[in-house]
Amino acid sequence: MRKYVVRFMVFYILSIGCLLGIIIYSYQNKIDRHNEQVEIEYPGVWKLSDEYDNRNSSYMEFLHQKNSLSILKKVYKELKKAELYREYSRQILSYHEYFRGNEKLASGSYNDKTEDGYLTNLTVLQMPEKMISEKKIEQHIEKGRCFTLKEYQRPLNQEIPLIAGYDYQRVFHLNQKIKAGYLGTENCTFKIVGFLHKNTRLSSELNLDETLIMPTVSKMKTMKQENEKILMSVKCSGYFCYKNEKEYRQISNLLKRIRRETGYRYVIPQMKWKSNNLLPMTTEKALIFMSLNLLLEFIVIYKVLAVNTRKVKTLVYKTVALCTSGSIFANVFLRFLFPKHIKIIQIYSSDFVAYMIIVFLLCAGMIGLKEKRT
C-alpha cells in the first residue's frame, strides 16, 4: 500500500510540475511582459522608449557593452527603412561664449563659468526632412530660409544650419555662425539661416519662440566611439506616426522583430481596444480566464470520474469527452463575449491541448490508484 502511495505522490508532483511549467512557458512566450498598454487614437504617435533604466540596469551600462554600437547600427538600419519613422529628438547645444540672451532661453546652465569660458545650454530640436515638411516649418519662417535637402544628414564636422525661434532675434542675427557642442562633440559650427514667426507652435503644448531647430545629422569619420554611440542612440529614439490601426500594427510588429533580432530592449506597444464587447479583455485576462476554466474542468472531471466506477477505459473516455467538450465550450463562449479578440483565443487554443493531456494524466493516475486500493 505504501508503495502505491509513493508512486501516486511522485506521479502527482510531476504532473503538477508539468502543468505549472506549461502555464509559465505560455505566459512568458505568448504574453509580452514588455508591452505597454495604451488607448489607441487615430491618428497618433508612438514615442520610442526602452527598458534599460530600471532598478537592475541603466542605459549607460548598455552603452558600455562591447557590441552596443553594432546593435544600435542594426536597429537604426531597420528604423530608417520604415516610412512611418521620424528621427526627431529634443537635445541640448552647449554654447561656450557669453550668452547675451534672456535666461529663459537657457535650459539649465546659464553663463556658468568654466575653464574654457562660459557654458549655456540651449534647447534644440533635431528634425528630419519629412517632419519639417509635415509641420510646414517653411511657412512659419519670418526671416531667412528653410533647410535644403543637401543640409540633412551632414556630419558634425561640417557647417550645420539652424532655424531659430522668434525670441532669438535679440541674440543672434541672420547668417551668423556660432560654435557649440552637440552630443559630446565640441566646437561644432552652426549657422543661423532663418527665424520663425512669433508664437509658432509645433503642437498645442510646444511653442517654438525659445527653441532652435536643426536638421538630422550623421557621424564624422574621425568621431570617437563614445560620441558615436550617443549619436546613434539619439537616432534610435525618435517616434512613429500612424493614421490607422493597420499602421499601428505595423509599428508594433516592427519593434517586436527589432527586439527579437537585435536584443535592443524597446518597449512594445500593446493595443487596448475600444470595442462593443461585453467585457474588456487583454491577453493577460484571456490566460487567467482560460486557466480558471481548466481548473474548474479538472475539479468536475475528478468528482464525476472518481465516484462509483471501476472501469479505467470508461473513465478515460469520459475524461477525454469532458475535456474536449469543455474546451469547445470555452472557445465558443470566449468568441461570443470577445469577437474582436479571436486571434488571442486562437493562440491559447493550442495550449488547451497541452492542458487537456495533463488533466487526462492526473485523472488516470488517481483512478488507477483508487482501483489498486479496492
Protein backbone atom coordinates (compact mmCIF):
# COMPACT_ATOMS: atom_id res chain seq x y z
CA MET A 1 0.00 0.00 0.00
CA ARG A 2 2.83 2.38 0.90
CA LYS A 3 4.44 1.67 -2.49
CA TYR A 4 1.28 2.76 -4.33
CA VAL A 5 1.03 5.93 -2.27
CA VAL A 6 4.66 6.84 -3.06
CA ARG A 7 4.09 6.19 -6.75
CA PHE A 8 0.97 8.29 -6.72
CA MET A 9 2.71 11.18 -4.94
CA VAL A 10 5.61 11.13 -7.42
CA PHE A 11 3.20 10.99 -10.36
CA TYR A 12 1.08 13.78 -8.87
CA ILE A 13 4.07 16.08 -8.19
CA LEU A 14 5.49 15.53 -11.68
CA SER A 15 2.11 16.20 -13.27
CA ILE A 16 1.59 19.40 -11.30
CA GLY A 17 5.15 20.46 -12.22
CA CYS A 18 4.40 19.89 -15.91
CA LEU A 19 1.17 21.87 -15.63
CA LEU A 20 2.89 24.80 -13.92
CA GLY A 21 5.71 24.65 -16.45
CA ILE A 22 3.26 24.90 -19.34
CA ILE A 23 1.47 27.83 -17.71
CA ILE A 24 4.72 29.72 -17.03
CA TYR A 25 6.05 28.97 -20.52
CA SER A 26 2.82 30.17 -22.11
CA TYR A 27 2.81 33.30 -20.00
CA GLN A 28 6.37 34.23 -20.86
CA ASN A 29 6.14 33.47 -24.57
CA LYS A 30 2.58 34.33 -25.52
CA ILE A 31 2.23 37.43 -23.35
CA ASP A 32 4.91 40.03 -23.88
CA ARG A 33 5.58 41.44 -20.41
CA HIS A 34 7.46 44.30 -22.07
CA ASN A 35 4.30 45.59 -23.71
CA GLU A 36 2.80 48.89 -22.73
CA GLN A 37 -0.98 49.22 -22.90
CA VAL A 38 -2.26 52.39 -24.48
CA GLU A 39 -5.60 53.76 -25.52
CA ILE A 40 -5.43 53.96 -29.30
CA GLU A 41 -6.47 57.16 -31.01
CA TYR A 42 -6.14 57.76 -34.72
CA PRO A 43 -4.11 59.50 -35.98
CA GLY A 44 -1.42 59.39 -33.32
CA VAL A 45 2.27 58.99 -32.50
CA TRP A 46 4.33 56.40 -30.62
CA LYS A 47 7.45 57.77 -28.93
CA LEU A 48 10.17 55.13 -28.74
CA SER A 49 11.29 54.15 -25.26
CA ASP A 50 13.34 51.35 -23.76
CA GLU A 51 13.66 49.34 -20.55
CA TYR A 52 17.31 49.89 -19.75
CA ASP A 53 16.82 52.42 -16.97
CA ASN A 54 15.38 50.44 -14.08
CA ARG A 55 16.46 49.16 -10.68
CA ASN A 56 18.76 46.49 -12.09
CA SER A 57 20.34 48.27 -15.05
CA SER A 58 20.89 51.59 -16.77
CA TYR A 59 21.28 52.79 -20.34
CA MET A 60 24.91 53.66 -19.66
CA GLU A 61 25.58 50.02 -18.83
CA PHE A 62 24.24 49.11 -22.25
CA LEU A 63 26.45 51.72 -23.95
CA HIS A 64 29.50 50.27 -22.16
CA GLN A 65 28.90 46.88 -23.73
CA LYS A 66 31.37 46.00 -26.49
CA ASN A 67 28.66 45.25 -29.03
CA SER A 68 26.35 48.19 -28.19
CA LEU A 69 27.41 50.24 -31.24
CA SER A 70 26.82 47.38 -33.67
CA ILE A 71 23.40 46.76 -32.07
CA LEU A 72 22.44 50.43 -32.44
CA LYS A 73 23.54 50.43 -36.07
CA LYS A 74 21.39 47.38 -36.81
CA VAL A 75 18.43 48.98 -35.04
CA TYR A 76 18.82 52.25 -36.94
CA LYS A 77 19.13 50.40 -40.25
CA GLU A 78 15.70 48.86 -39.65
CA LEU A 79 14.14 52.09 -38.42
CA LYS A 80 15.44 54.02 -41.41
CA LYS A 81 13.56 51.68 -43.77
CA ALA A 82 10.23 52.43 -42.07
CA GLU A 83 8.15 55.09 -43.80
CA LEU A 84 6.38 55.91 -40.55
CA TYR A 85 9.55 56.59 -38.52
CA ARG A 86 10.60 60.15 -37.70
CA GLU A 87 14.14 60.74 -36.45
CA TYR A 88 13.08 63.51 -34.10
CA SER A 89 14.64 64.34 -30.74
CA ARG A 90 14.96 67.16 -28.24
CA GLN A 91 18.59 67.87 -27.39
CA ILE A 92 20.99 70.46 -25.97
CA LEU A 93 23.50 72.77 -27.66
CA SER A 94 26.39 73.67 -25.33
CA TYR A 95 27.16 77.33 -26.09
CA HIS A 96 30.59 78.30 -24.69
CA GLU A 97 30.63 82.05 -25.29
CA TYR A 98 29.00 84.62 -23.06
CA PHE A 99 25.29 84.37 -23.83
CA ARG A 100 23.62 87.79 -24.16
CA GLY A 101 20.10 86.47 -24.34
CA ASN A 102 17.48 86.18 -21.63
CA GLU A 103 17.87 83.38 -19.09
CA LYS A 104 14.53 81.90 -20.16
CA LEU A 105 16.21 80.78 -23.39
CA ALA A 106 18.62 78.59 -21.42
CA SER A 107 17.93 75.02 -20.41
CA GLY A 108 19.73 74.54 -17.11
CA SER A 109 23.19 76.09 -17.29
CA TYR A 110 23.22 79.83 -17.98
CA ASN A 111 26.58 81.57 -18.39
CA ASP A 112 28.19 79.20 -15.93
CA LYS A 113 31.91 79.85 -15.73
CA THR A 114 34.16 77.06 -16.96
CA GLU A 115 37.86 76.60 -17.76
CA ASP A 116 37.11 77.45 -21.40
CA GLY A 117 34.94 80.45 -20.66
CA TYR A 118 31.20 80.05 -20.18
CA LEU A 119 28.51 77.41 -20.59
CA THR A 120 24.89 77.98 -21.58
CA ASN A 121 22.66 75.09 -22.61
CA LEU A 122 20.20 75.89 -25.39
CA THR A 123 17.28 73.69 -26.41
CA VAL A 124 17.44 72.38 -29.97
CA LEU A 125 15.02 70.13 -31.85
CA GLN A 126 16.59 67.76 -34.37
CA MET A 127 14.09 67.16 -37.19
CA PRO A 128 14.14 65.01 -40.34
CA GLU A 129 13.09 66.39 -43.71
CA LYS A 130 9.71 64.60 -43.60
CA MET A 131 8.81 66.22 -40.30
CA ILE A 132 9.89 69.70 -41.45
CA SER A 133 7.56 69.23 -44.40
CA GLU A 134 4.67 67.76 -42.37
CA LYS A 135 4.81 70.54 -39.78
CA LYS A 136 5.10 73.16 -42.56
CA ILE A 137 8.03 74.87 -40.88
CA GLU A 138 8.90 76.74 -44.08
CA GLN A 139 5.57 78.57 -43.99
CA HIS A 140 6.35 79.87 -40.49
CA ILE A 141 9.72 81.45 -41.33
CA GLU A 142 9.69 85.23 -40.88
CA LYS A 143 13.26 85.90 -42.00
CA GLY A 144 15.73 83.79 -43.92
CA ARG A 145 15.04 80.33 -45.35
CA CYS A 146 14.35 76.70 -44.52
CA PHE A 147 16.82 73.81 -44.81
CA THR A 148 17.78 72.45 -48.23
CA LEU A 149 17.84 68.71 -48.97
CA LYS A 150 21.65 68.73 -49.05
CA GLU A 151 21.77 70.03 -45.48
CA TYR A 152 20.20 66.91 -43.97
CA GLN A 153 22.43 64.12 -42.60
CA ARG A 154 25.58 66.21 -42.73
CA PRO A 155 28.44 65.04 -40.49
CA LEU A 156 29.06 67.19 -37.41
CA ASN A 157 32.41 68.44 -38.70
CA GLN A 158 30.56 70.37 -41.44
CA GLU A 159 28.51 73.53 -41.05
CA ILE A 160 25.07 72.73 -39.63
CA PRO A 161 22.18 75.17 -40.33
CA LEU A 162 19.85 76.37 -37.56
CA ILE A 163 16.37 77.88 -37.65
CA ALA A 164 15.87 79.98 -34.53
CA GLY A 165 12.69 80.80 -32.64
CA TYR A 166 11.37 84.37 -32.62
CA ASP A 167 12.99 85.36 -29.30
CA TYR A 168 16.48 84.58 -30.65
CA GLN A 169 16.34 87.61 -32.94
CA ARG A 170 17.55 89.68 -29.98
CA VAL A 171 20.57 87.40 -29.54
CA PHE A 172 21.74 86.26 -32.99
CA HIS A 173 21.49 87.75 -36.48
CA LEU A 174 20.76 86.10 -39.81
CA ASN A 175 23.69 84.11 -41.28
CA GLN A 176 25.63 84.37 -38.00
CA LYS A 177 27.93 81.42 -37.29
CA ILE A 178 28.27 80.11 -33.76
CA LYS A 179 30.37 77.42 -32.09
CA ALA A 180 28.72 74.94 -29.79
CA GLY A 181 28.96 71.37 -28.54
CA TYR A 182 26.43 68.73 -29.55
CA LEU A 183 26.07 65.19 -28.16
CA GLY A 184 29.61 65.18 -26.78
CA THR A 185 31.24 66.65 -29.92
CA GLU A 186 32.70 70.06 -29.17
CA ASN A 187 33.33 73.06 -31.45
CA CYS A 188 30.68 72.20 -33.99
CA THR A 189 29.89 75.07 -36.37
CA PHE A 190 26.27 76.17 -36.66
CA LYS A 191 24.80 78.86 -38.89
CA ILE A 192 21.56 80.78 -38.30
CA VAL A 193 19.68 80.53 -41.63
CA GLY A 194 16.22 81.65 -40.51
CA PHE A 195 13.95 82.97 -37.77
CA LEU A 196 10.40 81.82 -37.07
CA HIS A 197 7.28 83.96 -36.67
CA LYS A 198 6.20 84.76 -33.13
CA ASN A 199 4.08 82.07 -31.45
CA THR A 200 4.95 79.40 -33.98
CA ARG A 201 3.91 76.07 -32.48
CA LEU A 202 4.96 72.52 -33.19
CA SER A 203 1.92 71.35 -31.22
CA SER A 204 -0.60 72.85 -28.85
CA GLU A 205 1.86 72.29 -25.97
CA LEU A 206 5.12 73.29 -27.69
CA ASN A 207 5.82 76.94 -28.54
CA LEU A 208 9.00 77.40 -30.62
CA ASP A 209 9.78 81.02 -29.69
CA GLU A 210 12.60 79.92 -27.36
CA THR A 211 13.79 76.92 -29.35
CA LEU A 212 16.33 76.16 -32.07
CA ILE A 213 15.69 73.72 -34.92
CA MET A 214 18.39 71.75 -36.72
CA PRO A 215 18.28 69.04 -39.43
CA THR A 216 19.23 65.44 -38.72
CA VAL A 217 22.99 64.85 -38.72
CA SER A 218 25.36 61.93 -39.26
CA LYS A 219 28.62 60.82 -37.69
CA MET A 220 32.06 62.11 -38.60
CA LYS A 221 34.73 59.76 -39.95
CA THR A 222 37.00 60.67 -37.04
CA MET A 223 34.29 60.55 -34.40
CA LYS A 224 35.09 58.97 -31.05
CA GLN A 225 33.27 55.71 -30.46
CA GLU A 226 31.70 57.02 -27.24
CA ASN A 227 30.23 60.02 -29.07
CA GLU A 228 29.10 57.85 -31.98
CA LYS A 229 27.20 55.63 -29.54
CA ILE A 230 25.42 58.67 -28.11
CA LEU A 231 24.56 59.94 -31.59
CA MET A 232 23.23 56.54 -32.69
CA SER A 233 21.15 56.17 -29.53
CA VAL A 234 19.52 59.54 -30.31
CA LYS A 235 18.84 58.41 -33.87
CA CYS A 236 17.10 55.34 -32.46
CA SER A 237 14.86 57.27 -30.05
CA GLY A 238 12.53 59.12 -32.41
CA TYR A 239 8.86 58.39 -32.89
CA PHE A 240 6.42 56.73 -35.26
CA CYS A 241 3.35 58.44 -36.66
CA TYR A 242 0.32 56.39 -37.66
CA LYS A 243 -3.06 57.14 -39.18
CA ASN A 244 -4.98 53.92 -38.65
CA GLU A 245 -4.98 50.52 -36.97
CA LYS A 246 -3.08 48.85 -39.81
CA GLU A 247 -0.14 51.26 -39.48
CA TYR A 248 -0.17 50.90 -35.70
CA ARG A 249 0.12 47.13 -36.04
CA GLN A 250 2.99 47.56 -38.49
CA ILE A 251 4.86 49.62 -35.88
CA SER A 252 4.25 47.07 -33.14
CA ASN A 253 5.38 44.16 -35.34
CA LEU A 254 8.49 46.04 -36.46
CA LEU A 255 9.55 46.79 -32.88
CA LYS A 256 8.95 43.18 -31.88
CA ARG A 257 11.14 42.00 -34.76
CA ILE A 258 13.89 44.50 -33.93
CA ARG A 259 13.83 43.40 -30.30
CA ARG A 260 13.93 39.74 -31.28
CA GLU A 261 16.72 40.08 -33.88
CA THR A 262 18.98 42.64 -32.16
CA GLY A 263 18.18 42.26 -28.45
CA TYR A 264 17.59 46.01 -28.14
CA ARG A 265 15.03 46.36 -25.36
CA TYR A 266 12.36 48.57 -26.88
CA VAL A 267 9.03 48.90 -25.09
CA ILE A 268 6.43 47.30 -27.36
CA PRO A 269 3.03 48.99 -27.61
CA GLN A 270 0.07 46.71 -26.90
CA MET A 271 -3.31 47.69 -28.19
CA LYS A 272 -6.09 48.23 -25.70
CA TRP A 273 -9.23 48.00 -27.75
CA LYS A 274 -12.18 50.34 -27.67
CA SER A 275 -14.94 47.94 -28.74
CA ASN A 276 -18.51 46.94 -28.08
CA ASN A 277 -17.50 43.71 -26.30
CA LEU A 278 -19.44 42.78 -23.19
CA LEU A 279 -16.18 42.81 -21.22
CA PRO A 280 -12.78 44.47 -21.85
CA MET A 281 -10.10 41.86 -22.47
CA THR A 282 -6.34 41.68 -22.80
CA THR A 283 -4.07 38.68 -23.34
CA GLU A 284 -3.40 38.53 -19.60
CA LYS A 285 -7.11 38.30 -18.85
CA ALA A 286 -7.52 35.66 -21.55
CA LEU A 287 -4.87 33.49 -19.90
CA ILE A 288 -6.39 33.89 -16.43
CA PHE A 289 -9.87 33.16 -17.73
CA MET A 290 -8.77 30.01 -19.54
CA SER A 291 -6.68 28.80 -16.59
CA LEU A 292 -9.66 29.14 -14.28
CA ASN A 293 -11.81 27.31 -16.81
CA LEU A 294 -9.32 24.43 -16.93
CA LEU A 295 -9.17 24.30 -13.14
CA LEU A 296 -12.96 24.00 -12.98
CA GLU A 297 -12.87 21.29 -15.66
CA PHE A 298 -10.35 19.33 -13.62
CA ILE A 299 -12.48 19.57 -10.44
CA VAL A 300 -15.62 18.45 -12.28
CA ILE A 301 -13.82 15.59 -14.03
CA TYR A 302 -12.26 14.36 -10.81
CA LYS A 303 -15.55 14.44 -8.91
CA VAL A 304 -17.52 12.74 -11.69
CA LEU A 305 -14.98 10.08 -12.58
CA ALA A 306 -13.69 9.19 -9.14
CA VAL A 307 -17.11 8.13 -7.78
CA ASN A 308 -18.93 4.78 -8.23
CA THR A 309 -16.86 3.31 -11.06
CA ARG A 310 -14.04 0.83 -11.53
CA LYS A 311 -13.51 0.64 -15.27
CA VAL A 312 -10.44 2.59 -16.32
CA LYS A 313 -11.31 2.55 -20.03
CA THR A 314 -14.71 4.05 -19.41
CA LEU A 315 -13.16 6.71 -17.21
CA VAL A 316 -10.58 7.55 -19.86
CA TYR A 317 -13.30 8.02 -22.45
CA LYS A 318 -15.26 10.24 -20.09
CA THR A 319 -12.16 12.26 -19.32
CA VAL A 320 -11.39 12.92 -22.97
CA ALA A 321 -15.06 13.72 -23.71
CA LEU A 322 -15.36 16.18 -20.84
CA CYS A 323 -12.05 17.88 -21.61
CA THR A 324 -12.92 18.23 -25.28
CA SER A 325 -16.44 19.49 -24.68
CA GLY A 326 -15.21 21.87 -22.00
CA SER A 327 -12.56 23.29 -24.32
CA ILE A 328 -15.04 23.72 -27.18
CA PHE A 329 -17.49 25.41 -24.82
CA ALA A 330 -14.77 27.78 -23.56
CA ASN A 331 -13.75 28.70 -27.11
CA VAL A 332 -17.32 29.35 -28.23
CA PHE A 333 -18.12 31.28 -25.06
CA LEU A 334 -15.00 33.44 -25.35
CA ARG A 335 -15.57 34.14 -29.04
CA PHE A 336 -19.12 35.22 -28.27
CA LEU A 337 -18.03 37.57 -25.50
CA PHE A 338 -14.92 38.89 -27.22
CA PRO A 339 -15.42 38.87 -31.01
CA LYS A 340 -12.51 41.25 -31.60
CA HIS A 341 -10.09 39.00 -29.72
CA ILE A 342 -10.42 35.85 -31.80
CA LYS A 343 -6.68 35.91 -32.57
CA ILE A 344 -5.82 35.86 -28.87
CA ILE A 345 -8.25 32.98 -28.30
CA GLN A 346 -6.79 31.04 -31.22
CA ILE A 347 -3.30 31.41 -29.77
CA TYR A 348 -4.38 29.97 -26.44
CA SER A 349 -6.45 27.21 -28.03
CA SER A 350 -3.18 25.44 -28.83
CA ASP A 351 -2.38 25.49 -25.11
CA PHE A 352 -5.67 23.76 -24.35
CA VAL A 353 -4.33 20.59 -25.94
CA ALA A 354 -1.38 20.57 -23.55
CA TYR A 355 -3.60 21.30 -20.57
CA MET A 356 -6.01 18.53 -21.56
CA ILE A 357 -3.17 16.00 -21.68
CA ILE A 358 -2.08 16.93 -18.15
CA VAL A 359 -5.65 16.76 -16.85
CA PHE A 360 -6.08 13.37 -18.51
CA LEU A 361 -2.89 12.03 -16.89
CA LEU A 362 -3.87 13.33 -13.47
CA CYS A 363 -7.30 11.73 -13.66
CA ALA A 364 -5.97 8.45 -15.00
CA GLY A 365 -3.38 8.32 -12.19
CA MET A 366 -5.95 9.00 -9.49
CA ILE A 367 -8.34 6.44 -10.95
CA GLY A 368 -5.61 3.83 -11.20
CA LEU A 369 -4.64 4.38 -7.57
CA LYS A 370 -8.25 4.07 -6.45
CA GLU A 371 -8.67 0.80 -8.31
CA LYS A 372 -5.50 -0.58 -6.74
CA ARG A 373 -6.86 0.23 -3.31
CA THR A 374 -10.15 -1.55 -3.99
